[in-house]
Amino acid sequence: MKKIKKIKEAAAFLRDAGLLFEFNRTILHPLGLALETVIEDDGSETFGKIWDCRDDPEGIIYNDECYESGAKKLECYMQEHGKKIWKSRFESLDYIVQKKHIVTNVEDGKE
């Protein structure tokens, strides 16, 4: 495995790539939650609050404009980067999404 790099402007990266949109849409919104980003006065972007609508049976959904914008950003990211990364990961590991821990007992290396 190569050295892991850090993305300094993580909130902006995830929003610009449409990944925050997808994380909210597929994981948080169905649970009645949403993670926001905040653009500061100096132009920097940080993670803000997690909105909590768990008591609302409808939860959280995007309006049409936000949905289209987020979906377009995600599609562009996947075309430029994501699909290549998935292909490489599948070729290396035989899966894209990890389904179980590879090693659960660190002492003897057994599952």
PDB file of N, CA and C in Angstrom:
ATOM      1  N   MET A   1       0.851  -1.179   0.000  1.00  0.00           N
ATOM      2  CA  MET A   1       0.000   0.000   0.000  1.00  0.00           C
ATOM      3  C   MET A   1       0.892   1.236   0.000  1.00  0.00           C
ATOM      4  N   LYS A   2       0.514   2.203  -0.787  1.00  0.00           N
ATOM      5  CA  LYS A   2       1.273   3.449  -0.859  1.00  0.00           C
ATOM      6  C   LYS A   2       1.030   4.289   0.386  1.00  0.00           C
ATOM      7  N   LYS A   3       1.907   5.285   0.583  1.00  0.00           N
ATOM      8  CA  LYS A   3       1.754   6.224   1.689  1.00  0.00           C
ATOM      9  C   LYS A   3       0.427   6.974   1.547  1.00  0.00           C
ATOM     10  N   ILE A   4      -0.283   7.107   2.624  1.00  0.00           N
ATOM     11  CA  ILE A   4      -1.566   7.809   2.618  1.00  0.00           C
ATOM     12  C   ILE A   4      -1.310   9.306   2.722  1.00  0.00           C
ATOM     13  N   LYS A   5      -1.882  10.056   1.773  1.00  0.00           N
ATOM     14  CA  LYS A   5      -1.778  11.513   1.785  1.00  0.00           C
ATOM     15  C   LYS A   5      -2.998  12.090   2.492  1.00  0.00           C
ATOM     16  N   LYS A   6      -2.881  13.324   2.921  1.00  0.00           N
ATOM     17  CA  LYS A   6      -3.999  14.024   3.548  1.00  0.00           C
ATOM     18  C   LYS A   6      -4.493  15.116   2.614  1.00  0.00           C
ATOM     19  N   ILE A   7      -5.791  15.302   2.585  1.00  0.00           N
ATOM     20  CA  ILE A   7      -6.405  16.395   1.845  1.00  0.00           C
ATOM     21  C   ILE A   7      -6.666  17.500   2.856  1.00  0.00           C
ATOM     22  N   LYS A   8      -5.998  18.646   2.670  1.00  0.00           N
ATOM     23  CA  LYS A   8      -6.063  19.717   3.661  1.00  0.00           C
ATOM     24  C   LYS A   8      -7.437  20.368   3.749  1.00  0.00           C
ATOM     25  N   GLU A   9      -8.059  20.603   2.630  1.00  0.00           N
ATOM     26  CA  GLU A   9      -9.385  21.234   2.614  1.00  0.00           C
ATOM     27  C   GLU A   9     -10.449  20.151   2.424  1.00  0.00           C
ATOM     28  N   ALA A  10     -10.583  19.290   3.426  1.00  0.00           N
ATOM     29  CA  ALA A  10     -11.430  18.104   3.316  1.00  0.00           C
ATOM     30  C   ALA A  10     -12.897  18.439   3.052  1.00  0.00           C
ATOM     31  N   ALA A  11     -13.443  19.408   3.757  1.00  0.00           N
ATOM     32  CA  ALA A  11     -14.861  19.745   3.598  1.00  0.00           C
ATOM     33  C   ALA A  11     -15.142  20.236   2.178  1.00  0.00           C
ATOM     34  N   ALA A  12     -14.303  21.120   1.676  1.00  0.00           N
ATOM     35  CA  ALA A  12     -14.485  21.641   0.322  1.00  0.00           C
ATOM     36  C   ALA A  12     -14.302  20.527  -0.706  1.00  0.00           C
ATOM     37  N   PHE A  13     -13.307  19.668  -0.500  1.00  0.00           N
ATOM     38  CA  PHE A  13     -13.074  18.568  -1.425  1.00  0.00           C
ATOM     39  C   PHE A  13     -14.301  17.660  -1.507  1.00  0.00           C
ATOM     40  N   LEU A  14     -14.820  17.234  -0.361  1.00  0.00           N
ATOM     41  CA  LEU A  14     -15.971  16.334  -0.364  1.00  0.00           C
ATOM     42  C   LEU A  14     -17.205  16.988  -0.987  1.00  0.00           C
ATOM     43  N   ARG A  15     -17.393  18.280  -0.721  1.00  0.00           N
ATOM     44  CA  ARG A  15     -18.549  18.977  -1.323  1.00  0.00           C
ATOM     45  C   ARG A  15     -18.361  19.140  -2.819  1.00  0.00           C
ATOM     46  N   ASP A  16     -17.188  19.608  -3.238  1.00  0.00           N
ATOM     47  CA  ASP A  16     -16.925  19.850  -4.659  1.00  0.00           C
ATOM     48  C   ASP A  16     -16.977  18.575  -5.496  1.00  0.00           C
ATOM     49  N   ALA A  17     -16.583  17.452  -4.894  1.00  0.00           N
ATOM     50  CA  ALA A  17     -16.576  16.173  -5.606  1.00  0.00           C
ATOM     51  C   ALA A  17     -17.950  15.504  -5.618  1.00  0.00           C
ATOM     52  N   GLY A  18     -18.898  16.047  -4.882  1.00  0.00           N
ATOM     53  CA  GLY A  18     -20.220  15.432  -4.795  1.00  0.00           C
ATOM     54  C   GLY A  18     -20.262  14.268  -3.815  1.00  0.00           C
ATOM     55  N   LEU A  19     -19.159  14.021  -3.128  1.00  0.00           N
ATOM     56  CA  LEU A  19     -19.103  12.903  -2.194  1.00  0.00           C
ATOM     57  C   LEU A  19     -19.902  13.195  -0.921  1.00  0.00           C
ATOM     58  N   LEU A  20     -19.894  14.444  -0.471  1.00  0.00           N
ATOM     59  CA  LEU A  20     -20.709  14.804   0.688  1.00  0.00           C
ATOM     60  C   LEU A  20     -22.194  14.665   0.334  1.00  0.00           C
ATOM     61  N   PHE A  21     -22.559  15.085  -0.871  1.00  0.00           N
ATOM     62  CA  PHE A  21     -23.922  14.903  -1.369  1.00  0.00           C
ATOM     63  C   PHE A  21     -24.331  13.433  -1.271  1.00  0.00           C
ATOM     64  N   GLU A  22     -23.481  12.545  -1.750  1.00  0.00           N
ATOM     65  CA  GLU A  22     -23.809  11.117  -1.777  1.00  0.00           C
ATOM     66  C   GLU A  22     -23.827  10.519  -0.374  1.00  0.00           C
ATOM     67  N   PHE A  23     -22.893  10.934   0.478  1.00  0.00           N
ATOM     68  CA  PHE A  23     -22.873  10.470   1.864  1.00  0.00           C
ATOM     69  C   PHE A  23     -24.152  10.889   2.580  1.00  0.00           C
ATOM     70  N   ASN A  24     -24.533  12.147   2.404  1.00  0.00           N
ATOM     71  CA  ASN A  24     -25.784  12.616   2.997  1.00  0.00           C
ATOM     72  C   ASN A  24     -26.976  11.860   2.411  1.00  0.00           C
ATOM     73  N   ARG A  25     -27.045  11.761   1.099  1.00  0.00           N
ATOM     74  CA  ARG A  25     -28.195  11.164   0.418  1.00  0.00           C
ATOM     75  C   ARG A  25     -28.395   9.697   0.780  1.00  0.00           C
ATOM     76  N   THR A  26     -27.300   8.926   0.817  1.00  0.00           N
ATOM     77  CA  THR A  26     -27.432   7.483   0.971  1.00  0.00           C
ATOM     78  C   THR A  26     -27.270   6.983   2.403  1.00  0.00           C
ATOM     79  N   ILE A  27     -26.562   7.724   3.236  1.00  0.00           N
ATOM     80  CA  ILE A  27     -26.327   7.258   4.607  1.00  0.00           C
ATOM     81  C   ILE A  27     -27.070   8.117   5.627  1.00  0.00           C
ATOM     82  N   LEU A  28     -26.797   9.408   5.630  1.00  0.00           N
ATOM     83  CA  LEU A  28     -27.334  10.249   6.702  1.00  0.00           C
ATOM     84  C   LEU A  28     -28.806  10.601   6.525  1.00  0.00           C
ATOM     85  N   HIS A  29     -29.228  11.037   5.331  1.00  0.00           N
ATOM     86  CA  HIS A  29     -30.619  11.443   5.149  1.00  0.00           C
ATOM     87  C   HIS A  29     -31.617  10.341   5.515  1.00  0.00           C
ATOM     88  N   PRO A  30     -31.398   9.091   5.085  1.00  0.00           N
ATOM     89  CA  PRO A  30     -32.356   8.054   5.488  1.00  0.00           C
ATOM     90  C   PRO A  30     -32.420   7.826   6.998  1.00  0.00           C
ATOM     91  N   LEU A  31     -31.400   8.287   7.708  1.00  0.00           N
ATOM     92  CA  LEU A  31     -31.400   8.190   9.167  1.00  0.00           C
ATOM     93  C   LEU A  31     -31.920   9.468   9.819  1.00  0.00           C
ATOM     94  N   GLY A  32     -32.343  10.434   9.007  1.00  0.00           N
ATOM     95  CA  GLY A  32     -32.854  11.692   9.536  1.00  0.00           C
ATOM     96  C   GLY A  32     -31.764  12.668   9.928  1.00  0.00           C
ATOM     97  N   LEU A  33     -30.569  12.522   9.343  1.00  0.00           N
ATOM     98  CA  LEU A  33     -29.433  13.374   9.681  1.00  0.00           C
ATOM     99  C   LEU A  33     -28.847  14.005   8.415  1.00  0.00           C
ATOM    100  N   ALA A  34     -28.085  15.080   8.587  1.00  0.00           N
ATOM    101  CA  ALA A  34     -27.385  15.715   7.469  1.00  0.00           C
ATOM    102  C   ALA A  34     -26.153  16.440   7.994  1.00  0.00           C
ATOM    103  N   LEU A  35     -25.035  16.258   7.312  1.00  0.00           N
ATOM    104  CA  LEU A  35     -23.794  16.940   7.648  1.00  0.00           C
ATOM    105  C   LEU A  35     -23.653  18.153   6.749  1.00  0.00           C
ATOM    106  N   GLU A  36     -23.395  19.303   7.329  1.00  0.00           N
ATOM    107  CA  GLU A  36     -23.249  20.528   6.560  1.00  0.00           C
ATOM    108  C   GLU A  36     -21.795  20.958   6.497  1.00  0.00           C
ATOM    109  N   THR A  37     -21.493  21.785   5.505  1.00  0.00           N
ATOM    110  CA  THR A  37     -20.219  22.490   5.477  1.00  0.00           C
ATOM    111  C   THR A  37     -20.518  23.973   5.624  1.00  0.00           C
ATOM    112  N   VAL A  38     -19.525  24.701   6.118  1.00  0.00           N
ATOM    113  CA  VAL A  38     -19.667  26.140   6.345  1.00  0.00           C
ATOM    114  C   VAL A  38     -18.518  26.839   5.636  1.00  0.00           C
ATOM    115  N   ILE A  39     -18.851  27.831   4.812  1.00  0.00           N
ATOM    116  CA  ILE A  39     -17.827  28.647   4.161  1.00  0.00           C
ATOM    117  C   ILE A  39     -17.595  29.868   5.042  1.00  0.00           C
ATOM    118  N   GLU A  40     -16.370  29.968   5.540  1.00  0.00           N
ATOM    119  CA  GLU A  40     -16.007  31.049   6.458  1.00  0.00           C
ATOM    120  C   GLU A  40     -15.784  32.352   5.686  1.00  0.00           C
ATOM    121  N   ASP A  41     -15.675  33.461   6.421  1.00  0.00           N
ATOM    122  CA  ASP A  41     -15.454  34.775   5.807  1.00  0.00           C
ATOM    123  C   ASP A  41     -14.176  34.825   4.970  1.00  0.00           C
ATOM    124  N   ASP A  42     -13.170  34.056   5.372  1.00  0.00           N
ATOM    125  CA  ASP A  42     -11.902  34.055   4.634  1.00  0.00           C
ATOM    126  C   ASP A  42     -11.918  33.117   3.421  1.00  0.00           C
ATOM    127  N   GLY A  43     -13.077  32.477   3.171  1.00  0.00           N
ATOM    128  CA  GLY A  43     -13.210  31.586   2.022  1.00  0.00           C
ATOM    129  C   GLY A  43     -12.905  30.134   2.330  1.00  0.00           C
ATOM    130  N   SER A  44     -12.360  29.865   3.490  1.00  0.00           N
ATOM    131  CA  SER A  44     -12.092  28.474   3.861  1.00  0.00           C
ATOM    132  C   SER A  44     -13.414  27.773   4.171  1.00  0.00           C
ATOM    133  N   GLU A  45     -13.385  26.468   4.075  1.00  0.00           N
ATOM    134  CA  GLU A  45     -14.603  25.695   4.304  1.00  0.00           C
ATOM    135  C   GLU A  45     -14.320  24.631   5.348  1.00  0.00           C
ATOM    136  N   THR A  46     -15.249  24.491   6.276  1.00  0.00           N
ATOM    137  CA  THR A  46     -15.107  23.514   7.348  1.00  0.00           C
ATOM    138  C   THR A  46     -16.393  22.711   7.465  1.00  0.00           C
ATOM    139  N   PHE A  47     -16.314  21.604   8.189  1.00  0.00           N
ATOM    140  CA  PHE A  47     -17.542  20.874   8.497  1.00  0.00           C
ATOM    141  C   PHE A  47     -18.273  21.642   9.573  1.00  0.00           C
ATOM    142  N   GLY A  48     -19.567  21.727   9.424  1.00  0.00           N
ATOM    143  CA  GLY A  48     -20.382  22.436  10.397  1.00  0.00           C
ATOM    144  C   GLY A  48     -21.106  21.460  11.299  1.00  0.00           C
ATOM    145  N   LYS A  49     -22.384  21.687  11.443  1.00  0.00           N
ATOM    146  CA  LYS A  49     -23.207  20.884  12.338  1.00  0.00           C
ATOM    147  C   LYS A  49     -23.745  19.653  11.625  1.00  0.00           C
ATOM    148  N   ILE A  50     -24.241  18.731  12.421  1.00  0.00           N
ATOM    149  CA  ILE A  50     -25.052  17.637  11.898  1.00  0.00           C
ATOM    150  C   ILE A  50     -26.489  17.981  12.259  1.00  0.00           C
ATOM    151  N   TRP A  51     -27.300  18.135  11.237  1.00  0.00           N
ATOM    152  CA  TRP A  51     -28.705  18.452  11.444  1.00  0.00           C
ATOM    153  C   TRP A  51     -29.429  17.175  11.863  1.00  0.00           C
ATOM    154  N   ASP A  52     -30.341  17.301  12.808  1.00  0.00           N
ATOM    155  CA  ASP A  52     -31.020  16.144  13.386  1.00  0.00           C
ATOM    156  C   ASP A  52     -32.524  16.251  13.157  1.00  0.00           C
ATOM    157  N   CYS A  53     -33.027  15.420  12.256  1.00  0.00           N
ATOM    158  CA  CYS A  53     -34.470  15.348  11.989  1.00  0.00           C
ATOM    159  C   CYS A  53     -34.964  13.919  12.202  1.00  0.00           C
ATOM    160  N   ARG A  54     -34.344  13.225  13.142  1.00  0.00           N
ATOM    161  CA  ARG A  54     -34.700  11.824  13.366  1.00  0.00           C
ATOM    162  C   ARG A  54     -36.137  11.643  13.837  1.00  0.00           C
ATOM    163  N   ASP A  55     -36.754  12.697  14.369  1.00  0.00           N
ATOM    164  CA  ASP A  55     -38.140  12.605  14.820  1.00  0.00           C
ATOM    165  C   ASP A  55     -39.137  12.874  13.699  1.00  0.00           C
ATOM    166  N   ASP A  56     -38.654  13.293  12.536  1.00  0.00           N
ATOM    167  CA  ASP A  56     -39.512  13.578  11.387  1.00  0.00           C
ATOM    168  C   ASP A  56     -39.602  12.327  10.515  1.00  0.00           C
ATOM    169  N   PRO A  57     -40.796  11.757  10.321  1.00  0.00           N
ATOM    170  CA  PRO A  57     -40.898  10.518   9.546  1.00  0.00           C
ATOM    171  C   PRO A  57     -40.398  10.650   8.102  1.00  0.00           C
ATOM    172  N   GLU A  58     -40.429  11.852   7.550  1.00  0.00           N
ATOM    173  CA  GLU A  58     -39.932  12.043   6.184  1.00  0.00           C
ATOM    174  C   GLU A  58     -38.420  12.226   6.155  1.00  0.00           C
ATOM    175  N   GLY A  59     -37.843  12.566   7.273  1.00  0.00           N
ATOM    176  CA  GLY A  59     -36.407  12.791   7.310  1.00  0.00           C
ATOM    177  C   GLY A  59     -36.006  13.988   6.470  1.00  0.00           C
ATOM    178  N   ILE A  60     -34.891  13.875   5.792  1.00  0.00           N
ATOM    179  CA  ILE A  60     -34.332  14.985   5.025  1.00  0.00           C
ATOM    180  C   ILE A  60     -34.220  14.563   3.573  1.00  0.00           C
ATOM    181  N   ILE A  61     -34.637  15.439   2.678  1.00  0.00           N
ATOM    182  CA  ILE A  61     -34.461  15.217   1.239  1.00  0.00           C
ATOM    183  C   ILE A  61     -33.951  16.513   0.612  1.00  0.00           C
ATOM    184  N   TYR A  62     -33.259  16.362  -0.517  1.00  0.00           N
ATOM    185  CA  TYR A  62     -32.780  17.530  -1.257  1.00  0.00           C
ATOM    186  C   TYR A  62     -33.909  18.106  -2.091  1.00  0.00           C
ATOM    187  N   ASN A  63     -33.908  19.441  -2.282  1.00  0.00           N
ATOM    188  CA  ASN A  63     -34.808  20.003  -3.270  1.00  0.00           C
ATOM    189  C   ASN A  63     -34.211  19.695  -4.648  1.00  0.00           C
ATOM    190  N   ASP A  64     -34.964  19.908  -5.705  1.00  0.00           N
ATOM    191  CA  ASP A  64     -34.529  19.519  -7.051  1.00  0.00           C
ATOM    192  C   ASP A  64     -33.206  20.163  -7.459  1.00  0.00           C
ATOM    193  N   GLU A  65     -33.043  21.444  -7.149  1.00  0.00           N
ATOM    194  CA  GLU A  65     -31.832  22.168  -7.544  1.00  0.00           C
ATOM    195  C   GLU A  65     -30.592  21.589  -6.845  1.00  0.00           C
ATOM    196  N   CYS A  66     -30.684  21.370  -5.541  1.00  0.00           N
ATOM    197  CA  CYS A  66     -29.553  20.804  -4.798  1.00  0.00           C
ATOM    198  C   CYS A  66     -29.254  19.384  -5.250  1.00  0.00           C
ATOM    199  N   TYR A  67     -30.296  18.611  -5.519  1.00  0.00           N
ATOM    200  CA  TYR A  67     -30.094  17.234  -5.968  1.00  0.00           C
ATOM    201  C   TYR A  67     -29.349  17.209  -7.303  1.00  0.00           C
ATOM    202  N   GLU A  68     -29.808  17.997  -8.241  1.00  0.00           N
ATOM    203  CA  GLU A  68     -29.170  18.018  -9.562  1.00  0.00           C
ATOM    204  C   GLU A  68     -27.722  18.492  -9.480  1.00  0.00           C
ATOM    205  N   SER A  69     -27.467  19.510  -8.684  1.00  0.00           N
ATOM    206  CA  SER A  69     -26.115  20.030  -8.526  1.00  0.00           C
ATOM    207  C   SER A  69     -25.186  18.983  -7.913  1.00  0.00           C
ATOM    208  N   GLY A  70     -25.621  18.351  -6.836  1.00  0.00           N
ATOM    209  CA  GLY A  70     -24.814  17.334  -6.178  1.00  0.00           C
ATOM    210  C   GLY A  70     -24.578  16.119  -7.058  1.00  0.00           C
ATOM    211  N   ALA A  71     -25.629  15.685  -7.761  1.00  0.00           N
ATOM    212  CA  ALA A  71     -25.503  14.516  -8.635  1.00  0.00           C
ATOM    213  C   ALA A  71     -24.540  14.798  -9.787  1.00  0.00           C
ATOM    214  N   LYS A  72     -24.574  16.004 -10.305  1.00  0.00           N
ATOM    215  CA  LYS A  72     -23.665  16.367 -11.404  1.00  0.00           C
ATOM    216  C   LYS A  72     -22.209  16.375 -10.921  1.00  0.00           C
ATOM    217  N   LYS A  73     -21.969  16.949  -9.744  1.00  0.00           N
ATOM    218  CA  LYS A  73     -20.610  16.968  -9.183  1.00  0.00           C
ATOM    219  C   LYS A  73     -20.106  15.548  -8.962  1.00  0.00           C
ATOM    220  N   LEU A  74     -20.966  14.686  -8.434  1.00  0.00           N
ATOM    221  CA  LEU A  74     -20.576  13.307  -8.171  1.00  0.00           C
ATOM    222  C   LEU A  74     -20.266  12.570  -9.473  1.00  0.00           C
ATOM    223  N   GLU A  75     -21.096  12.745 -10.473  1.00  0.00           N
ATOM    224  CA  GLU A  75     -20.870  12.077 -11.763  1.00  0.00           C
ATOM    225  C   GLU A  75     -19.548  12.527 -12.379  1.00  0.00           C
ATOM    226  N   CYS A  76     -19.259  13.795 -12.318  1.00  0.00           N
ATOM    227  CA  CYS A  76     -17.979  14.295 -12.853  1.00  0.00           C
ATOM    228  C   CYS A  76     -16.805  13.685 -12.100  1.00  0.00           C
ATOM    229  N   TYR A  77     -16.889  13.639 -10.773  1.00  0.00           N
ATOM    230  CA  TYR A  77     -15.800  13.068  -9.986  1.00  0.00           C
ATOM    231  C   TYR A  77     -15.617  11.590 -10.320  1.00  0.00           C
ATOM    232  N   MET A  78     -16.721  10.873 -10.422  1.00  0.00           N
ATOM    233  CA  MET A  78     -16.622   9.443 -10.711  1.00  0.00           C
ATOM    234  C   MET A  78     -16.037   9.197 -12.096  1.00  0.00           C
ATOM    235  N   GLN A  79     -16.415  10.008 -13.072  1.00  0.00           N
ATOM    236  CA  GLN A  79     -15.865   9.849 -14.417  1.00  0.00           C
ATOM    237  C   GLN A  79     -14.366  10.137 -14.450  1.00  0.00           C
ATOM    238  N   GLU A  80     -13.949  11.174 -13.744  1.00  0.00           N
ATOM    239  CA  GLU A  80     -12.537  11.591 -13.768  1.00  0.00           C
ATOM    240  C   GLU A  80     -11.643  10.747 -12.862  1.00  0.00           C
ATOM    241  N   HIS A  81     -12.153  10.308 -11.739  1.00  0.00           N
ATOM    242  CA  HIS A  81     -11.307   9.644 -10.744  1.00  0.00           C
ATOM    243  C   HIS A  81     -11.900   8.345 -10.205  1.00  0.00           C
ATOM    244  N   GLY A  82     -13.128   8.408  -9.752  1.00  0.00           N
ATOM    245  CA  GLY A  82     -13.725   7.321  -8.978  1.00  0.00           C
ATOM    246  C   GLY A  82     -13.743   5.971  -9.658  1.00  0.00           C
ATOM    247  N   LYS A  83     -14.150   5.921 -10.917  1.00  0.00           N
ATOM    248  CA  LYS A  83     -14.258   4.637 -11.608  1.00  0.00           C
ATOM    249  C   LYS A  83     -12.889   3.984 -11.796  1.00  0.00           C
ATOM    250  N   LYS A  84     -11.865   4.794 -12.043  1.00  0.00           N
ATOM    251  CA  LYS A  84     -10.503   4.247 -12.173  1.00  0.00           C
ATOM    252  C   LYS A  84     -10.037   3.666 -10.840  1.00  0.00           C
ATOM    253  N   ILE A  85     -10.330   4.374  -9.753  1.00  0.00           N
ATOM    254  CA  ILE A  85      -9.930   3.917  -8.423  1.00  0.00           C
ATOM    255  C   ILE A  85     -10.666   2.621  -8.079  1.00  0.00           C
ATOM    256  N   TRP A  86     -11.965   2.567  -8.360  1.00  0.00           N
ATOM    257  CA  TRP A  86     -12.734   1.354  -8.101  1.00  0.00           C
ATOM    258  C   TRP A  86     -12.179   0.168  -8.889  1.00  0.00           C
ATOM    259  N   LYS A  87     -11.857   0.412 -10.160  1.00  0.00           N
ATOM    260  CA  LYS A  87     -11.326  -0.655 -11.009  1.00  0.00           C
ATOM    261  C   LYS A  87     -10.012  -1.184 -10.436  1.00  0.00           C
ATOM    262  N   SER A  88      -9.118  -0.289 -10.078  1.00  0.00           N
ATOM    263  CA  SER A  88      -7.833  -0.670  -9.517  1.00  0.00           C
ATOM    264  C   SER A  88      -8.011  -1.413  -8.196  1.00  0.00           C
ATOM    265  N   ARG A  89      -8.898  -0.929  -7.359  1.00  0.00           N
ATOM    266  CA  ARG A  89      -9.152  -1.569  -6.061  1.00  0.00           C
ATOM    267  C   ARG A  89      -9.696  -2.970  -6.271  1.00  0.00           C
ATOM    268  N   PHE A  90     -10.624  -3.125  -7.209  1.00  0.00           N
ATOM    269  CA  PHE A  90     -11.192  -4.440  -7.478  1.00  0.00           C
ATOM    270  C   PHE A  90     -10.125  -5.394  -8.014  1.00  0.00           C
ATOM    271  N   GLU A  91      -9.279  -4.897  -8.894  1.00  0.00           N
ATOM    272  CA  GLU A  91      -8.208  -5.731  -9.440  1.00  0.00           C
ATOM    273  C   GLU A  91      -7.222  -6.156  -8.354  1.00  0.00           C
ATOM    274  N   SER A  92      -6.988  -5.296  -7.380  1.00  0.00           N
ATOM    275  CA  SER A  92      -6.051  -5.614  -6.295  1.00  0.00           C
ATOM    276  C   SER A  92      -6.658  -6.483  -5.205  1.00  0.00           C
ATOM    277  N   LEU A  93      -7.931  -6.260  -4.882  1.00  0.00           N
ATOM    278  CA  LEU A  93      -8.537  -6.886  -3.702  1.00  0.00           C
ATOM    279  C   LEU A  93      -9.664  -7.871  -4.000  1.00  0.00           C
ATOM    280  N   ASP A  94     -10.203  -7.825  -5.223  1.00  0.00           N
ATOM    281  CA  ASP A  94     -11.373  -8.627  -5.609  1.00  0.00           C
ATOM    282  C   ASP A  94     -12.674  -8.091  -5.002  1.00  0.00           C
ATOM    283  N   TYR A  95     -12.648  -6.882  -4.505  1.00  0.00           N
ATOM    284  CA  TYR A  95     -13.858  -6.217  -4.036  1.00  0.00           C
ATOM    285  C   TYR A  95     -13.620  -4.717  -4.078  1.00  0.00           C
ATOM    286  N   ILE A  96     -14.720  -3.972  -4.018  1.00  0.00           N
ATOM    287  CA  ILE A  96     -14.629  -2.519  -3.930  1.00  0.00           C
ATOM    288  C   ILE A  96     -14.956  -2.084  -2.506  1.00  0.00           C
ATOM    289  N   VAL A  97     -16.075  -2.558  -1.978  1.00  0.00           N
ATOM    290  CA  VAL A  97     -16.516  -2.208  -0.632  1.00  0.00           C
ATOM    291  C   VAL A  97     -16.180  -3.358   0.305  1.00  0.00           C
ATOM    292  N   GLN A  98     -15.446  -3.056   1.360  1.00  0.00           N
ATOM    293  CA  GLN A  98     -15.075  -4.071   2.334  1.00  0.00           C
ATOM    294  C   GLN A  98     -16.309  -4.554   3.076  1.00  0.00           C
ATOM    295  N   LYS A  99     -16.498  -5.855   3.130  1.00  0.00           N
ATOM    296  CA  LYS A  99     -17.677  -6.424   3.780  1.00  0.00           C
ATOM    297  C   LYS A  99     -17.382  -6.994   5.152  1.00  0.00           C
ATOM    298  N   LYS A 100     -16.145  -7.346   5.427  1.00  0.00           N
ATOM    299  CA  LYS A 100     -15.794  -7.873   6.743  1.00  0.00           C
ATOM    300  C   LYS A 100     -14.366  -7.473   7.060  1.00  0.00           C
ATOM    301  N   HIS A 101     -14.027  -7.592   8.304  1.00  0.00           N
ATOM    302  CA  HIS A 101     -12.646  -7.349   8.700  1.00  0.00           C
ATOM    303  C   HIS A 101     -11.789  -8.505   8.203  1.00  0.00           C
ATOM    304  N   ILE A 102     -10.653  -8.184   7.675  1.00  0.00           N
ATOM    305  CA  ILE A 102      -9.757  -9.215   7.176  1.00  0.00           C
ATOM    306  C   ILE A 102      -9.179 -10.027   8.332  1.00  0.00           C
ATOM    307  N   VAL A 103      -8.730  -9.358   9.383  1.00  0.00           N
ATOM    308  CA  VAL A 103      -8.154 -10.029  10.547  1.00  0.00           C
ATOM    309  C   VAL A 103      -8.869  -9.506  11.782  1.00  0.00           C
ATOM    310  N   THR A 104      -9.415 -10.406  12.572  1.00  0.00           N
ATOM    311  CA  THR A 104     -10.085  -9.972  13.799  1.00  0.00           C
ATOM    312  C   THR A 104      -9.265 -10.272  15.034  1.00  0.00           C
ATOM    313  N   ASN A 105      -8.347 -11.241  14.943  1.00  0.00           N
ATOM    314  CA  ASN A 105      -7.494 -11.567  16.075  1.00  0.00           C
ATOM    315  C   ASN A 105      -6.062 -11.192  15.698  1.00  0.00           C
ATOM    316  N   VAL A 106      -5.616 -10.046  16.154  1.00  0.00           N
ATOM    317  CA  VAL A 106      -4.309  -9.514  15.773  1.00  0.00           C
ATOM    318  C   VAL A 106      -3.165 -10.385  16.311  1.00  0.00           C
ATOM    319  N   GLU A 107      -3.359 -10.986  17.462  1.00  0.00           N
ATOM    320  CA  GLU A 107      -2.269 -11.751  18.082  1.00  0.00           C
ATOM    321  C   GLU A 107      -1.814 -12.939  17.243  1.00  0.00           C
ATOM    322  N   ASP A 108      -2.764 -13.701  16.686  1.00  0.00           N
ATOM    323  CA  ASP A 108      -2.336 -14.872  15.911  1.00  0.00           C
ATOM    324  C   ASP A 108      -2.679 -14.760  14.431  1.00  0.00           C
ATOM    325  N   GLY A 109      -3.269 -13.644  14.011  1.00  0.00           N
ATOM    326  CA  GLY A 109      -3.548 -13.420  12.605  1.00  0.00           C
ATOM    327  C   GLY A 109      -4.722 -14.219  12.074  1.00  0.00           C
ATOM    328  N   LYS A 110      -5.492 -14.873  12.937  1.00  0.00           N
ATOM    329  CA  LYS A 110      -6.640 -15.671  12.488  1.00  0.00           C
ATOM    330  C   LYS A 110      -7.896 -14.826  12.495  1.00  0.00           C
ATOM    331  N   GLU A 111      -8.820 -15.223  11.634  1.00  0.00           N
ATOM    332  CA  GLU A 111     -10.106 -14.539  11.598  1.00  0.00           C
ATOM    333  C   GLU A 111     -11.029 -15.076  12.669  1.00  0.00           C
TER     334      GLU A 111
END
